[in-house]
Amino acid sequence: MQGKKYGFKGYINTLENAIQELNTQTSSPSQATIMSRILSDLVVLDHFSKAYQGEVTTALDKKDYFEAFKSIYQEHKGDSSVYEHRLDSILGDS
């Protein structure tokens, strides 16, 4: 993961590069649906990460950064319904 090696800026660059790569024309409706879902999730993850930059930066320094990030999500997911709707499948307990 880029964030582990390059900190918050590397992490955000990874998200933004993935968003750019997915923001392209697709050849089929099913592919467009899947890419749209992933793109939406990444945009919300990018927003969430920037909103809680201090906490995310600290999490990236942890040995188990995914669990640390998940804790941040659990603490703040109620701050905006879009976090729960878009990120719960990635970071929630489901």
PDB file of N, CA and C in Angstrom:
ATOM      1  N   MET A   1       0.844  -1.188   0.000  1.00  0.00           N
ATOM      2  CA  MET A   1       0.000   0.000   0.000  1.00  0.00           C
ATOM      3  C   MET A   1       0.881   1.239   0.000  1.00  0.00           C
ATOM      4  N   GLN A   2       0.601   2.181  -0.875  1.00  0.00           N
ATOM      5  CA  GLN A   2       1.403   3.396  -1.011  1.00  0.00           C
ATOM      6  C   GLN A   2       1.401   4.246   0.259  1.00  0.00           C
ATOM      7  N   GLY A   3       0.300   4.262   0.988  1.00  0.00           N
ATOM      8  CA  GLY A   3       0.209   5.069   2.196  1.00  0.00           C
ATOM      9  C   GLY A   3       1.174   4.624   3.264  1.00  0.00           C
ATOM     10  N   LYS A   4       1.418   3.342   3.354  1.00  0.00           N
ATOM     11  CA  LYS A   4       2.354   2.811   4.344  1.00  0.00           C
ATOM     12  C   LYS A   4       3.761   3.307   4.048  1.00  0.00           C
ATOM     13  N   LYS A   5       4.122   3.339   2.798  1.00  0.00           N
ATOM     14  CA  LYS A   5       5.476   3.743   2.411  1.00  0.00           C
ATOM     15  C   LYS A   5       5.611   5.258   2.270  1.00  0.00           C
ATOM     16  N   TYR A   6       4.606   5.926   1.708  1.00  0.00           N
ATOM     17  CA  TYR A   6       4.716   7.346   1.374  1.00  0.00           C
ATOM     18  C   TYR A   6       3.783   8.248   2.183  1.00  0.00           C
ATOM     19  N   GLY A   7       3.142   7.713   3.209  1.00  0.00           N
ATOM     20  CA  GLY A   7       2.298   8.519   4.068  1.00  0.00           C
ATOM     21  C   GLY A   7       0.967   8.883   3.426  1.00  0.00           C
ATOM     22  N   PHE A   8       0.336   9.877   4.014  1.00  0.00           N
ATOM     23  CA  PHE A   8      -1.005  10.276   3.587  1.00  0.00           C
ATOM     24  C   PHE A   8      -1.035  10.711   2.129  1.00  0.00           C
ATOM     25  N   LYS A   9      -0.040  11.453   1.704  1.00  0.00           N
ATOM     26  CA  LYS A   9      -0.015  11.934   0.316  1.00  0.00           C
ATOM     27  C   LYS A   9       0.046  10.753  -0.665  1.00  0.00           C
ATOM     28  N   GLY A  10       0.840   9.765  -0.370  1.00  0.00           N
ATOM     29  CA  GLY A  10       0.914   8.576  -1.220  1.00  0.00           C
ATOM     30  C   GLY A  10      -0.394   7.812  -1.246  1.00  0.00           C
ATOM     31  N   TYR A  11      -1.034   7.733  -0.098  1.00  0.00           N
ATOM     32  CA  TYR A  11      -2.329   7.067   0.011  1.00  0.00           C
ATOM     33  C   TYR A  11      -3.374   7.785  -0.847  1.00  0.00           C
ATOM     34  N   ILE A  12      -3.453   9.099  -0.712  1.00  0.00           N
ATOM     35  CA  ILE A  12      -4.417   9.881  -1.496  1.00  0.00           C
ATOM     36  C   ILE A  12      -4.090   9.802  -2.985  1.00  0.00           C
ATOM     37  N   ASN A  13      -2.820   9.857  -3.335  1.00  0.00           N
ATOM     38  CA  ASN A  13      -2.437   9.721  -4.750  1.00  0.00           C
ATOM     39  C   ASN A  13      -2.889   8.374  -5.312  1.00  0.00           C
ATOM     40  N   THR A  14      -2.790   7.328  -4.521  1.00  0.00           N
ATOM     41  CA  THR A  14      -3.241   6.004  -4.960  1.00  0.00           C
ATOM     42  C   THR A  14      -4.739   6.018  -5.233  1.00  0.00           C
ATOM     43  N   LEU A  15      -5.514   6.610  -4.319  1.00  0.00           N
ATOM     44  CA  LEU A  15      -6.967   6.707  -4.526  1.00  0.00           C
ATOM     45  C   LEU A  15      -7.292   7.527  -5.767  1.00  0.00           C
ATOM     46  N   GLU A  16      -6.652   8.684  -5.895  1.00  0.00           N
ATOM     47  CA  GLU A  16      -6.941   9.563  -7.030  1.00  0.00           C
ATOM     48  C   GLU A  16      -6.541   8.933  -8.361  1.00  0.00           C
ATOM     49  N   ASN A  17      -5.443   8.184  -8.381  1.00  0.00           N
ATOM     50  CA  ASN A  17      -5.044   7.493  -9.614  1.00  0.00           C
ATOM     51  C   ASN A  17      -6.056   6.411  -9.983  1.00  0.00           C
ATOM     52  N   ALA A  18      -6.535   5.688  -8.983  1.00  0.00           N
ATOM     53  CA  ALA A  18      -7.547   4.658  -9.250  1.00  0.00           C
ATOM     54  C   ALA A  18      -8.836   5.289  -9.770  1.00  0.00           C
ATOM     55  N   ILE A  19      -9.211   6.420  -9.196  1.00  0.00           N
ATOM     56  CA  ILE A  19     -10.417   7.131  -9.658  1.00  0.00           C
ATOM     57  C   ILE A  19     -10.244   7.540 -11.115  1.00  0.00           C
ATOM     58  N   GLN A  20      -9.093   8.083 -11.455  1.00  0.00           N
ATOM     59  CA  GLN A  20      -8.824   8.495 -12.846  1.00  0.00           C
ATOM     60  C   GLN A  20      -8.895   7.305 -13.800  1.00  0.00           C
ATOM     61  N   GLU A  21      -8.309   6.177 -13.406  1.00  0.00           N
ATOM     62  CA  GLU A  21      -8.305   4.994 -14.265  1.00  0.00           C
ATOM     63  C   GLU A  21      -9.719   4.461 -14.501  1.00  0.00           C
ATOM     64  N   LEU A  22     -10.560   4.529 -13.491  1.00  0.00           N
ATOM     65  CA  LEU A  22     -11.923   4.001 -13.617  1.00  0.00           C
ATOM     66  C   LEU A  22     -12.863   4.966 -14.315  1.00  0.00           C
ATOM     67  N   ASN A  23     -12.500   6.207 -14.404  1.00  0.00           N
ATOM     68  CA  ASN A  23     -13.350   7.233 -14.995  1.00  0.00           C
ATOM     69  C   ASN A  23     -13.178   7.241 -16.518  1.00  0.00           C
ATOM     70  N   THR A  24     -13.518   6.121 -17.125  1.00  0.00           N
ATOM     71  CA  THR A  24     -13.371   5.959 -18.575  1.00  0.00           C
ATOM     72  C   THR A  24     -14.641   5.347 -19.162  1.00  0.00           C
ATOM     73  N   GLN A  25     -14.740   5.399 -20.459  1.00  0.00           N
ATOM     74  CA  GLN A  25     -15.858   4.767 -21.150  1.00  0.00           C
ATOM     75  C   GLN A  25     -15.726   3.243 -21.030  1.00  0.00           C
ATOM     76  N   THR A  26     -16.868   2.576 -20.991  1.00  0.00           N
ATOM     77  CA  THR A  26     -16.868   1.121 -20.921  1.00  0.00           C
ATOM     78  C   THR A  26     -17.545   0.550 -22.157  1.00  0.00           C
ATOM     79  N   SER A  27     -17.338  -0.725 -22.364  1.00  0.00           N
ATOM     80  CA  SER A  27     -17.862  -1.351 -23.572  1.00  0.00           C
ATOM     81  C   SER A  27     -19.197  -2.058 -23.368  1.00  0.00           C
ATOM     82  N   SER A  28     -19.625  -2.212 -22.123  1.00  0.00           N
ATOM     83  CA  SER A  28     -20.901  -2.901 -21.893  1.00  0.00           C
ATOM     84  C   SER A  28     -21.619  -2.303 -20.683  1.00  0.00           C
ATOM     85  N   PRO A  29     -22.939  -2.440 -20.646  1.00  0.00           N
ATOM     86  CA  PRO A  29     -23.694  -1.924 -19.487  1.00  0.00           C
ATOM     87  C   PRO A  29     -23.276  -2.574 -18.169  1.00  0.00           C
ATOM     88  N   SER A  30     -22.998  -3.864 -18.189  1.00  0.00           N
ATOM     89  CA  SER A  30     -22.600  -4.523 -16.941  1.00  0.00           C
ATOM     90  C   SER A  30     -21.254  -4.005 -16.445  1.00  0.00           C
ATOM     91  N   GLN A  31     -20.332  -3.794 -17.349  1.00  0.00           N
ATOM     92  CA  GLN A  31     -19.031  -3.242 -16.980  1.00  0.00           C
ATOM     93  C   GLN A  31     -19.205  -1.807 -16.452  1.00  0.00           C
ATOM     94  N   ALA A  32     -20.059  -1.039 -17.060  1.00  0.00           N
ATOM     95  CA  ALA A  32     -20.312   0.332 -16.612  1.00  0.00           C
ATOM     96  C   ALA A  32     -20.904   0.338 -15.205  1.00  0.00           C
ATOM     97  N   THR A  33     -21.791  -0.593 -14.923  1.00  0.00           N
ATOM     98  CA  THR A  33     -22.411  -0.679 -13.604  1.00  0.00           C
ATOM     99  C   THR A  33     -21.372  -0.996 -12.535  1.00  0.00           C
ATOM    100  N   ILE A  34     -20.529  -1.968 -12.797  1.00  0.00           N
ATOM    101  CA  ILE A  34     -19.490  -2.355 -11.837  1.00  0.00           C
ATOM    102  C   ILE A  34     -18.503  -1.212 -11.628  1.00  0.00           C
ATOM    103  N   MET A  35     -18.055  -0.612 -12.710  1.00  0.00           N
ATOM    104  CA  MET A  35     -17.083   0.478 -12.596  1.00  0.00           C
ATOM    105  C   MET A  35     -17.689   1.681 -11.884  1.00  0.00           C
ATOM    106  N   SER A  36     -18.963   1.946 -12.119  1.00  0.00           N
ATOM    107  CA  SER A  36     -19.642   3.049 -11.452  1.00  0.00           C
ATOM    108  C   SER A  36     -19.688   2.819  -9.945  1.00  0.00           C
ATOM    109  N   ARG A  37     -19.973   1.613  -9.544  1.00  0.00           N
ATOM    110  CA  ARG A  37     -20.026   1.265  -8.117  1.00  0.00           C
ATOM    111  C   ARG A  37     -18.650   1.459  -7.467  1.00  0.00           C
ATOM    112  N   ILE A  38     -17.636   0.931  -8.090  1.00  0.00           N
ATOM    113  CA  ILE A  38     -16.284   1.048  -7.538  1.00  0.00           C
ATOM    114  C   ILE A  38     -15.838   2.505  -7.522  1.00  0.00           C
ATOM    115  N   LEU A  39     -16.113   3.224  -8.579  1.00  0.00           N
ATOM    116  CA  LEU A  39     -15.751   4.634  -8.662  1.00  0.00           C
ATOM    117  C   LEU A  39     -16.430   5.435  -7.545  1.00  0.00           C
ATOM    118  N   SER A  40     -17.706   5.183  -7.325  1.00  0.00           N
ATOM    119  CA  SER A  40     -18.432   5.865  -6.245  1.00  0.00           C
ATOM    120  C   SER A  40     -17.810   5.571  -4.889  1.00  0.00           C
ATOM    121  N   ASP A  41     -17.478   4.314  -4.654  1.00  0.00           N
ATOM    122  CA  ASP A  41     -16.862   3.934  -3.383  1.00  0.00           C
ATOM    123  C   ASP A  41     -15.522   4.647  -3.189  1.00  0.00           C
ATOM    124  N   LEU A  42     -14.715   4.702  -4.241  1.00  0.00           N
ATOM    125  CA  LEU A  42     -13.404   5.350  -4.131  1.00  0.00           C
ATOM    126  C   LEU A  42     -13.521   6.852  -3.901  1.00  0.00           C
ATOM    127  N   VAL A  43     -14.480   7.489  -4.548  1.00  0.00           N
ATOM    128  CA  VAL A  43     -14.672   8.933  -4.357  1.00  0.00           C
ATOM    129  C   VAL A  43     -15.080   9.216  -2.913  1.00  0.00           C
ATOM    130  N   VAL A  44     -15.974   8.413  -2.369  1.00  0.00           N
ATOM    131  CA  VAL A  44     -16.392   8.611  -0.982  1.00  0.00           C
ATOM    132  C   VAL A  44     -15.240   8.289  -0.030  1.00  0.00           C
ATOM    133  N   LEU A  45     -14.482   7.244  -0.312  1.00  0.00           N
ATOM    134  CA  LEU A  45     -13.313   6.908   0.518  1.00  0.00           C
ATOM    135  C   LEU A  45     -12.296   8.043   0.504  1.00  0.00           C
ATOM    136  N   ASP A  46     -12.091   8.645  -0.647  1.00  0.00           N
ATOM    137  CA  ASP A  46     -11.186   9.790  -0.774  1.00  0.00           C
ATOM    138  C   ASP A  46     -11.689  10.960   0.086  1.00  0.00           C
ATOM    139  N   HIS A  47     -12.980  11.253  -0.013  1.00  0.00           N
ATOM    140  CA  HIS A  47     -13.571  12.336   0.776  1.00  0.00           C
ATOM    141  C   HIS A  47     -13.456  12.037   2.268  1.00  0.00           C
ATOM    142  N   PHE A  48     -13.818  10.831   2.667  1.00  0.00           N
ATOM    143  CA  PHE A  48     -13.739  10.426   4.073  1.00  0.00           C
ATOM    144  C   PHE A  48     -12.308  10.573   4.590  1.00  0.00           C
ATOM    145  N   SER A  49     -11.353  10.108   3.805  1.00  0.00           N
ATOM    146  CA  SER A  49      -9.944  10.161   4.214  1.00  0.00           C
ATOM    147  C   SER A  49      -9.460  11.591   4.392  1.00  0.00           C
ATOM    148  N   LYS A  50      -9.871  12.470   3.506  1.00  0.00           N
ATOM    149  CA  LYS A  50      -9.477  13.876   3.621  1.00  0.00           C
ATOM    150  C   LYS A  50     -10.171  14.550   4.798  1.00  0.00           C
ATOM    151  N   ALA A  51     -11.423  14.170   5.068  1.00  0.00           N
ATOM    152  CA  ALA A  51     -12.164  14.757   6.188  1.00  0.00           C
ATOM    153  C   ALA A  51     -11.536  14.381   7.525  1.00  0.00           C
ATOM    154  N   TYR A  52     -10.949  13.211   7.599  1.00  0.00           N
ATOM    155  CA  TYR A  52     -10.344  12.720   8.843  1.00  0.00           C
ATOM    156  C   TYR A  52      -8.841  12.477   8.641  1.00  0.00           C
ATOM    157  N   GLN A  53      -8.219  13.397   7.941  1.00  0.00           N
ATOM    158  CA  GLN A  53      -6.813  13.262   7.554  1.00  0.00           C
ATOM    159  C   GLN A  53      -5.892  12.957   8.736  1.00  0.00           C
ATOM    160  N   GLY A  54      -6.040  13.652   9.830  1.00  0.00           N
ATOM    161  CA  GLY A  54      -5.169  13.431  10.984  1.00  0.00           C
ATOM    162  C   GLY A  54      -5.253  12.004  11.492  1.00  0.00           C
ATOM    163  N   GLU A  55      -6.455  11.501  11.634  1.00  0.00           N
ATOM    164  CA  GLU A  55      -6.650  10.135  12.114  1.00  0.00           C
ATOM    165  C   GLU A  55      -6.171   9.101  11.091  1.00  0.00           C
ATOM    166  N   VAL A  56      -6.429   9.361   9.825  1.00  0.00           N
ATOM    167  CA  VAL A  56      -5.996   8.436   8.774  1.00  0.00           C
ATOM    168  C   VAL A  56      -4.469   8.402   8.696  1.00  0.00           C
ATOM    169  N   THR A  57      -3.831   9.557   8.815  1.00  0.00           N
ATOM    170  CA  THR A  57      -2.368   9.618   8.796  1.00  0.00           C
ATOM    171  C   THR A  57      -1.791   8.772   9.927  1.00  0.00           C
ATOM    172  N   THR A  58      -2.382   8.875  11.111  1.00  0.00           N
ATOM    173  CA  THR A  58      -1.937   8.068  12.251  1.00  0.00           C
ATOM    174  C   THR A  58      -2.158   6.585  11.980  1.00  0.00           C
ATOM    175  N   ALA A  59      -3.297   6.243  11.394  1.00  0.00           N
ATOM    176  CA  ALA A  59      -3.607   4.844  11.090  1.00  0.00           C
ATOM    177  C   ALA A  59      -2.608   4.240  10.110  1.00  0.00           C
ATOM    178  N   LEU A  60      -2.153   5.045   9.154  1.00  0.00           N
ATOM    179  CA  LEU A  60      -1.205   4.536   8.155  1.00  0.00           C
ATOM    180  C   LEU A  60       0.122   4.135   8.775  1.00  0.00           C
ATOM    181  N   ASP A  61       0.427   4.683   9.951  1.00  0.00           N
ATOM    182  CA  ASP A  61       1.673   4.353  10.641  1.00  0.00           C
ATOM    183  C   ASP A  61       1.559   3.093  11.506  1.00  0.00           C
ATOM    184  N   LYS A  62       0.359   2.581  11.684  1.00  0.00           N
ATOM    185  CA  LYS A  62       0.136   1.407  12.520  1.00  0.00           C
ATOM    186  C   LYS A  62       0.537   0.145  11.775  1.00  0.00           C
ATOM    187  N   LYS A  63       0.922  -0.868  12.523  1.00  0.00           N
ATOM    188  CA  LYS A  63       1.282  -2.147  11.915  1.00  0.00           C
ATOM    189  C   LYS A  63       0.076  -2.737  11.177  1.00  0.00           C
ATOM    190  N   ASP A  64      -1.072  -2.741  11.828  1.00  0.00           N
ATOM    191  CA  ASP A  64      -2.293  -3.235  11.192  1.00  0.00           C
ATOM    192  C   ASP A  64      -3.146  -2.031  10.804  1.00  0.00           C
ATOM    193  N   TYR A  65      -2.708  -1.322   9.769  1.00  0.00           N
ATOM    194  CA  TYR A  65      -3.360  -0.074   9.369  1.00  0.00           C
ATOM    195  C   TYR A  65      -4.787  -0.284   8.916  1.00  0.00           C
ATOM    196  N   PHE A  66      -5.111  -1.456   8.367  1.00  0.00           N
ATOM    197  CA  PHE A  66      -6.484  -1.668   7.928  1.00  0.00           C
ATOM    198  C   PHE A  66      -7.427  -1.705   9.133  1.00  0.00           C
ATOM    199  N   GLU A  67      -7.040  -2.379  10.189  1.00  0.00           N
ATOM    200  CA  GLU A  67      -7.869  -2.409  11.405  1.00  0.00           C
ATOM    201  C   GLU A  67      -7.969  -1.014  12.019  1.00  0.00           C
ATOM    202  N   ALA A  68      -6.873  -0.263  12.002  1.00  0.00           N
ATOM    203  CA  ALA A  68      -6.896   1.106  12.527  1.00  0.00           C
ATOM    204  C   ALA A  68      -7.839   1.974  11.700  1.00  0.00           C
ATOM    205  N   PHE A  69      -7.791   1.823  10.385  1.00  0.00           N
ATOM    206  CA  PHE A  69      -8.669   2.588   9.505  1.00  0.00           C
ATOM    207  C   PHE A  69     -10.124   2.182   9.743  1.00  0.00           C
ATOM    208  N   LYS A  70     -10.359   0.906   9.933  1.00  0.00           N
ATOM    209  CA  LYS A  70     -11.708   0.412  10.191  1.00  0.00           C
ATOM    210  C   LYS A  70     -12.257   1.027  11.484  1.00  0.00           C
ATOM    211  N   SER A  71     -11.423   1.186  12.491  1.00  0.00           N
ATOM    212  CA  SER A  71     -11.848   1.815  13.746  1.00  0.00           C
ATOM    213  C   SER A  71     -12.258   3.268  13.520  1.00  0.00           C
ATOM    214  N   ILE A  72     -11.503   3.974  12.694  1.00  0.00           N
ATOM    215  CA  ILE A  72     -11.849   5.366  12.359  1.00  0.00           C
ATOM    216  C   ILE A  72     -13.202   5.394  11.664  1.00  0.00           C
ATOM    217  N   TYR A  73     -13.395   4.479  10.737  1.00  0.00           N
ATOM    218  CA  TYR A  73     -14.670   4.405  10.027  1.00  0.00           C
ATOM    219  C   TYR A  73     -15.816   4.139  10.996  1.00  0.00           C
ATOM    220  N   GLN A  74     -15.654   3.159  11.889  1.00  0.00           N
ATOM    221  CA  GLN A  74     -16.711   2.824  12.840  1.00  0.00           C
ATOM    222  C   GLN A  74     -17.062   4.035  13.705  1.00  0.00           C
ATOM    223  N   GLU A  75     -16.058   4.812  14.072  1.00  0.00           N
ATOM    224  CA  GLU A  75     -16.276   5.994  14.909  1.00  0.00           C
ATOM    225  C   GLU A  75     -17.020   7.102  14.161  1.00  0.00           C
ATOM    226  N   HIS A  76     -16.760   7.248  12.866  1.00  0.00           N
ATOM    227  CA  HIS A  76     -17.289   8.398  12.122  1.00  0.00           C
ATOM    228  C   HIS A  76     -18.355   8.070  11.077  1.00  0.00           C
ATOM    229  N   LYS A  77     -18.704   6.809  10.900  1.00  0.00           N
ATOM    230  CA  LYS A  77     -19.639   6.476   9.818  1.00  0.00           C
ATOM    231  C   LYS A  77     -21.002   7.136   9.990  1.00  0.00           C
ATOM    232  N   GLY A  78     -21.389   7.444  11.205  1.00  0.00           N
ATOM    233  CA  GLY A  78     -22.656   8.105  11.440  1.00  0.00           C
ATOM    234  C   GLY A  78     -22.643   9.589  11.121  1.00  0.00           C
ATOM    235  N   ASP A  79     -21.470  10.143  10.837  1.00  0.00           N
ATOM    236  CA  ASP A  79     -21.362  11.567  10.527  1.00  0.00           C
ATOM    237  C   ASP A  79     -22.012  11.928   9.199  1.00  0.00           C
ATOM    238  N   SER A  80     -22.122  10.954   8.304  1.00  0.00           N
ATOM    239  CA  SER A  80     -22.734  11.197   6.997  1.00  0.00           C
ATOM    240  C   SER A  80     -23.290   9.874   6.471  1.00  0.00           C
ATOM    241  N   SER A  81     -24.534   9.879   6.046  1.00  0.00           N
ATOM    242  CA  SER A  81     -25.139   8.637   5.570  1.00  0.00           C
ATOM    243  C   SER A  81     -24.419   8.087   4.342  1.00  0.00           C
ATOM    244  N   VAL A  82     -23.790   8.961   3.569  1.00  0.00           N
ATOM    245  CA  VAL A  82     -23.068   8.472   2.383  1.00  0.00           C
ATOM    246  C   VAL A  82     -21.902   7.572   2.793  1.00  0.00           C
ATOM    247  N   TYR A  83     -21.311   7.833   3.954  1.00  0.00           N
ATOM    248  CA  TYR A  83     -20.236   6.950   4.423  1.00  0.00           C
ATOM    249  C   TYR A  83     -20.770   5.537   4.638  1.00  0.00           C
ATOM    250  N   GLU A  84     -21.903   5.441   5.327  1.00  0.00           N
ATOM    251  CA  GLU A  84     -22.477   4.118   5.570  1.00  0.00           C
ATOM    252  C   GLU A  84     -22.918   3.454   4.276  1.00  0.00           C
ATOM    253  N   HIS A  85     -23.563   4.215   3.388  1.00  0.00           N
ATOM    254  CA  HIS A  85     -24.077   3.627   2.149  1.00  0.00           C
ATOM    255  C   HIS A  85     -22.970   3.184   1.204  1.00  0.00           C
ATOM    256  N   ARG A  86     -21.874   3.919   1.144  1.00  0.00           N
ATOM    257  CA  ARG A  86     -20.820   3.598   0.179  1.00  0.00           C
ATOM    258  C   ARG A  86     -19.681   2.792   0.779  1.00  0.00           C
ATOM    259  N   LEU A  87     -19.369   2.979   2.061  1.00  0.00           N
ATOM    260  CA  LEU A  87     -18.169   2.375   2.624  1.00  0.00           C
ATOM    261  C   LEU A  87     -18.411   1.166   3.510  1.00  0.00           C
ATOM    262  N   ASP A  88     -19.642   0.953   3.930  1.00  0.00           N
ATOM    263  CA  ASP A  88     -19.884  -0.134   4.866  1.00  0.00           C
ATOM    264  C   ASP A  88     -19.517  -1.491   4.269  1.00  0.00           C
ATOM    265  N   SER A  89     -19.729  -1.670   2.981  1.00  0.00           N
ATOM    266  CA  SER A  89     -19.379  -2.950   2.353  1.00  0.00           C
ATOM    267  C   SER A  89     -17.867  -3.170   2.319  1.00  0.00           C
ATOM    268  N   ILE A  90     -17.111  -2.086   2.377  1.00  0.00           N
ATOM    269  CA  ILE A  90     -15.646  -2.184   2.368  1.00  0.00           C
ATOM    270  C   ILE A  90     -15.104  -2.277   3.792  1.00  0.00           C
ATOM    271  N   LEU A  91     -15.609  -1.430   4.678  1.00  0.00           N
ATOM    272  CA  LEU A  91     -15.022  -1.267   6.002  1.00  0.00           C
ATOM    273  C   LEU A  91     -15.898  -1.731   7.159  1.00  0.00           C
ATOM    274  N   GLY A  92     -17.165  -1.999   6.890  1.00  0.00           N
ATOM    275  CA  GLY A  92     -18.076  -2.385   7.958  1.00  0.00           C
ATOM    276  C   GLY A  92     -17.838  -3.803   8.431  1.00  0.00           C
ATOM    277  N   ASP A  93     -18.679  -4.224   9.361  1.00  0.00           N
ATOM    278  CA  ASP A  93     -18.566  -5.573   9.915  1.00  0.00           C
ATOM    279  C   ASP A  93     -19.322  -6.601   9.095  1.00  0.00           C
ATOM    280  N   SER A  94     -19.970  -6.167   8.018  1.00  0.00           N
ATOM    281  CA  SER A  94     -20.774  -7.106   7.235  1.00  0.00           C
ATOM    282  C   SER A  94     -19.943  -7.987   6.347  1.00  0.00           C
TER     283      SER A  94
END
